[in-house]
Structures are given as C-alpha cells and as structure tokens.
Amino acid sequence: MPQWFDQHGRDMRTRDEREREDTAGPAFRRLFLRAFAIAAIIGLLVGIVWTIAGLWHFHVSRLF
C-alpha cells in the first residue's frame, strides 16, 4: 500500500494534495506531451514547406 495510506486504508493526504495529483496525473501528462509533440511535428512540417516554397519562389522561379 502507498505511503500516504494509514493502517486502516484511509488516505492521509490533504484535499489540496489529492486535487493537485488528480489534475496533473500521469494520464494528463501523457496526453499533454502527446498533443505537444503532434503540434511540434505539424509546426515543423509547415515551416519546412514554407521555407521550400520561399526558396522556390525567390530563387528557382527567377531563373526562368
């Protein structure tokens, strides 16, 4: 049994501690990191496409 339970199985944490742990628990953390990673990948791809389009427009199209 985790350390915050007494010998009768009662939770000895304060209400504030329980709410804080429930708000930012492991499931929320995984969801947040997954959403952040997906947003970062999308942003990186948009940036790459934007850069290639800019190079194409200002360099390659000037040759023709």
N, C-alpha and C. Protein backbone atom coordinates (compact mmCIF):
# COMPACT_ATOMS: atom_id res chain seq x y z
N MET A 1 0.85 -1.17 0.00
CA MET A 1 0.00 0.00 0.00
C MET A 1 0.90 1.25 0.00
N PRO A 2 0.54 2.29 -0.79
CA PRO A 2 1.37 3.50 -0.83
C PRO A 2 1.50 4.15 0.54
N GLN A 3 2.51 4.97 0.68
CA GLN A 3 2.85 5.54 1.98
C GLN A 3 1.82 6.52 2.51
N TRP A 4 0.95 7.07 1.66
CA TRP A 4 0.01 8.07 2.16
C TRP A 4 -1.27 7.46 2.74
N PHE A 5 -1.34 6.12 2.82
CA PHE A 5 -2.48 5.47 3.47
C PHE A 5 -2.06 5.00 4.86
N ASP A 6 -2.96 5.11 5.80
CA ASP A 6 -2.66 4.60 7.14
C ASP A 6 -2.96 3.11 7.21
N GLN A 7 -2.84 2.51 8.41
CA GLN A 7 -3.02 1.07 8.54
C GLN A 7 -4.45 0.63 8.28
N HIS A 8 -5.41 1.56 8.28
CA HIS A 8 -6.81 1.23 8.03
C HIS A 8 -7.21 1.50 6.58
N GLY A 9 -6.27 1.94 5.76
CA GLY A 9 -6.55 2.17 4.35
C GLY A 9 -7.10 3.55 4.04
N ARG A 10 -7.06 4.45 5.04
CA ARG A 10 -7.56 5.81 4.80
C ARG A 10 -6.47 6.68 4.19
N ASP A 11 -6.87 7.53 3.27
CA ASP A 11 -5.93 8.43 2.60
C ASP A 11 -5.57 9.56 3.56
N MET A 12 -4.28 9.74 3.83
CA MET A 12 -3.83 10.74 4.79
C MET A 12 -3.40 12.05 4.12
N ARG A 13 -3.54 12.14 2.79
CA ARG A 13 -3.17 13.38 2.10
C ARG A 13 -4.26 14.43 2.31
N THR A 14 -3.86 15.68 2.18
CA THR A 14 -4.85 16.75 2.29
C THR A 14 -5.67 16.82 1.00
N ARG A 15 -6.80 17.48 1.07
CA ARG A 15 -7.65 17.63 -0.11
C ARG A 15 -6.91 18.33 -1.23
N ASP A 16 -6.12 19.34 -0.89
CA ASP A 16 -5.36 20.08 -1.89
C ASP A 16 -4.35 19.17 -2.60
N GLU A 17 -3.68 18.31 -1.85
CA GLU A 17 -2.72 17.39 -2.45
C GLU A 17 -3.41 16.41 -3.39
N ARG A 18 -4.56 15.88 -2.97
CA ARG A 18 -5.30 14.95 -3.83
C ARG A 18 -5.77 15.63 -5.11
N GLU A 19 -6.29 16.85 -5.02
CA GLU A 19 -6.76 17.57 -6.20
C GLU A 19 -5.60 17.88 -7.15
N ARG A 20 -4.47 18.28 -6.60
CA ARG A 20 -3.31 18.58 -7.44
C ARG A 20 -2.84 17.35 -8.19
N GLU A 21 -2.80 16.21 -7.52
CA GLU A 21 -2.36 14.97 -8.16
C GLU A 21 -3.36 14.50 -9.20
N ASP A 22 -4.66 14.70 -8.94
CA ASP A 22 -5.68 14.29 -9.90
C ASP A 22 -5.68 15.21 -11.12
N THR A 23 -5.38 16.49 -10.92
CA THR A 23 -5.39 17.44 -12.02
C THR A 23 -4.25 17.17 -12.98
N ALA A 24 -3.08 16.94 -12.47
CA ALA A 24 -1.90 16.74 -13.32
C ALA A 24 -1.32 15.35 -13.09
N GLY A 25 -2.16 14.36 -13.20
CA GLY A 25 -1.70 12.99 -13.02
C GLY A 25 -0.98 12.47 -14.24
N PRO A 26 -0.55 11.23 -14.19
CA PRO A 26 0.21 10.64 -15.28
C PRO A 26 -0.56 10.59 -16.60
N ALA A 27 -1.86 10.32 -16.54
CA ALA A 27 -2.65 10.24 -17.78
C ALA A 27 -2.72 11.62 -18.45
N PHE A 28 -2.96 12.66 -17.65
CA PHE A 28 -2.99 14.01 -18.21
C PHE A 28 -1.63 14.39 -18.77
N ARG A 29 -0.58 14.04 -18.07
CA ARG A 29 0.78 14.37 -18.52
C ARG A 29 1.07 13.71 -19.86
N ARG A 30 0.70 12.43 -20.00
CA ARG A 30 0.91 11.73 -21.29
C ARG A 30 0.11 12.38 -22.40
N LEU A 31 -1.14 12.72 -22.13
CA LEU A 31 -1.99 13.37 -23.12
C LEU A 31 -1.41 14.72 -23.53
N PHE A 32 -0.98 15.49 -22.55
CA PHE A 32 -0.40 16.81 -22.83
C PHE A 32 0.87 16.69 -23.66
N LEU A 33 1.76 15.78 -23.30
CA LEU A 33 3.01 15.61 -24.06
C LEU A 33 2.75 15.10 -25.46
N ARG A 34 1.78 14.22 -25.62
CA ARG A 34 1.44 13.71 -26.95
C ARG A 34 0.88 14.84 -27.81
N ALA A 35 0.00 15.66 -27.26
CA ALA A 35 -0.55 16.80 -28.01
C ALA A 35 0.55 17.80 -28.36
N PHE A 36 1.45 18.05 -27.44
CA PHE A 36 2.56 18.97 -27.69
C PHE A 36 3.47 18.43 -28.80
N ALA A 37 3.76 17.14 -28.77
CA ALA A 37 4.62 16.53 -29.79
C ALA A 37 3.97 16.59 -31.16
N ILE A 38 2.67 16.31 -31.23
CA ILE A 38 1.97 16.37 -32.52
C ILE A 38 1.97 17.80 -33.05
N ALA A 39 1.71 18.78 -32.18
CA ALA A 39 1.73 20.18 -32.60
C ALA A 39 3.12 20.59 -33.06
N ALA A 40 4.16 20.11 -32.39
CA ALA A 40 5.53 20.45 -32.79
C ALA A 40 5.87 19.85 -34.15
N ILE A 41 5.45 18.63 -34.40
CA ILE A 41 5.71 17.99 -35.69
C ILE A 41 4.97 18.73 -36.81
N ILE A 42 3.71 19.07 -36.57
CA ILE A 42 2.94 19.81 -37.57
C ILE A 42 3.60 21.17 -37.84
N GLY A 43 4.01 21.86 -36.79
CA GLY A 43 4.68 23.15 -36.96
C GLY A 43 5.98 23.02 -37.73
N LEU A 44 6.73 21.98 -37.45
CA LEU A 44 7.98 21.76 -38.16
C LEU A 44 7.73 21.49 -39.64
N LEU A 45 6.73 20.67 -39.94
CA LEU A 45 6.40 20.39 -41.34
C LEU A 45 5.93 21.64 -42.07
N VAL A 46 5.11 22.44 -41.42
CA VAL A 46 4.65 23.70 -42.04
C VAL A 46 5.85 24.61 -42.29
N GLY A 47 6.76 24.69 -41.35
CA GLY A 47 7.95 25.51 -41.52
C GLY A 47 8.82 25.04 -42.66
N ILE A 48 8.97 23.74 -42.81
CA ILE A 48 9.77 23.19 -43.90
C ILE A 48 9.12 23.50 -45.25
N VAL A 49 7.81 23.28 -45.35
CA VAL A 49 7.10 23.59 -46.60
C VAL A 49 7.18 25.08 -46.90
N TRP A 50 7.02 25.93 -45.90
CA TRP A 50 7.10 27.38 -46.08
C TRP A 50 8.49 27.77 -46.60
N THR A 51 9.53 27.19 -46.04
CA THR A 51 10.89 27.50 -46.47
C THR A 51 11.15 27.04 -47.90
N ILE A 52 10.73 25.83 -48.22
CA ILE A 52 10.91 25.32 -49.59
C ILE A 52 10.14 26.19 -50.58
N ALA A 53 8.90 26.56 -50.24
CA ALA A 53 8.11 27.42 -51.13
C ALA A 53 8.78 28.78 -51.32
N GLY A 54 9.33 29.33 -50.25
CA GLY A 54 10.02 30.61 -50.36
C GLY A 54 11.27 30.52 -51.20
N LEU A 55 12.06 29.48 -51.00
CA LEU A 55 13.26 29.30 -51.82
C LEU A 55 12.89 29.09 -53.28
N TRP A 56 11.86 28.30 -53.53
CA TRP A 56 11.42 28.05 -54.90
C TRP A 56 10.96 29.35 -55.56
N HIS A 57 10.19 30.13 -54.85
CA HIS A 57 9.63 31.35 -55.41
C HIS A 57 10.71 32.39 -55.70
N PHE A 58 11.63 32.60 -54.79
CA PHE A 58 12.58 33.69 -54.93
C PHE A 58 13.88 33.29 -55.62
N HIS A 59 14.16 31.99 -55.78
CA HIS A 59 15.41 31.59 -56.38
C HIS A 59 15.21 30.82 -57.68
N VAL A 60 14.43 29.76 -57.63
CA VAL A 60 14.26 28.92 -58.80
C VAL A 60 13.42 29.64 -59.85
N SER A 61 12.35 30.31 -59.47
CA SER A 61 11.50 30.97 -60.45
C SER A 61 12.18 32.15 -61.11
N ARG A 62 13.22 32.72 -60.52
CA ARG A 62 13.97 33.83 -61.11
C ARG A 62 14.85 33.35 -62.26
N LEU A 63 15.13 32.07 -62.31
CA LEU A 63 15.98 31.53 -63.37
C LEU A 63 15.25 31.42 -64.71
N PHE A 64 13.92 31.32 -64.66
CA PHE A 64 13.15 31.10 -65.89
C PHE A 64 12.50 32.36 -66.37
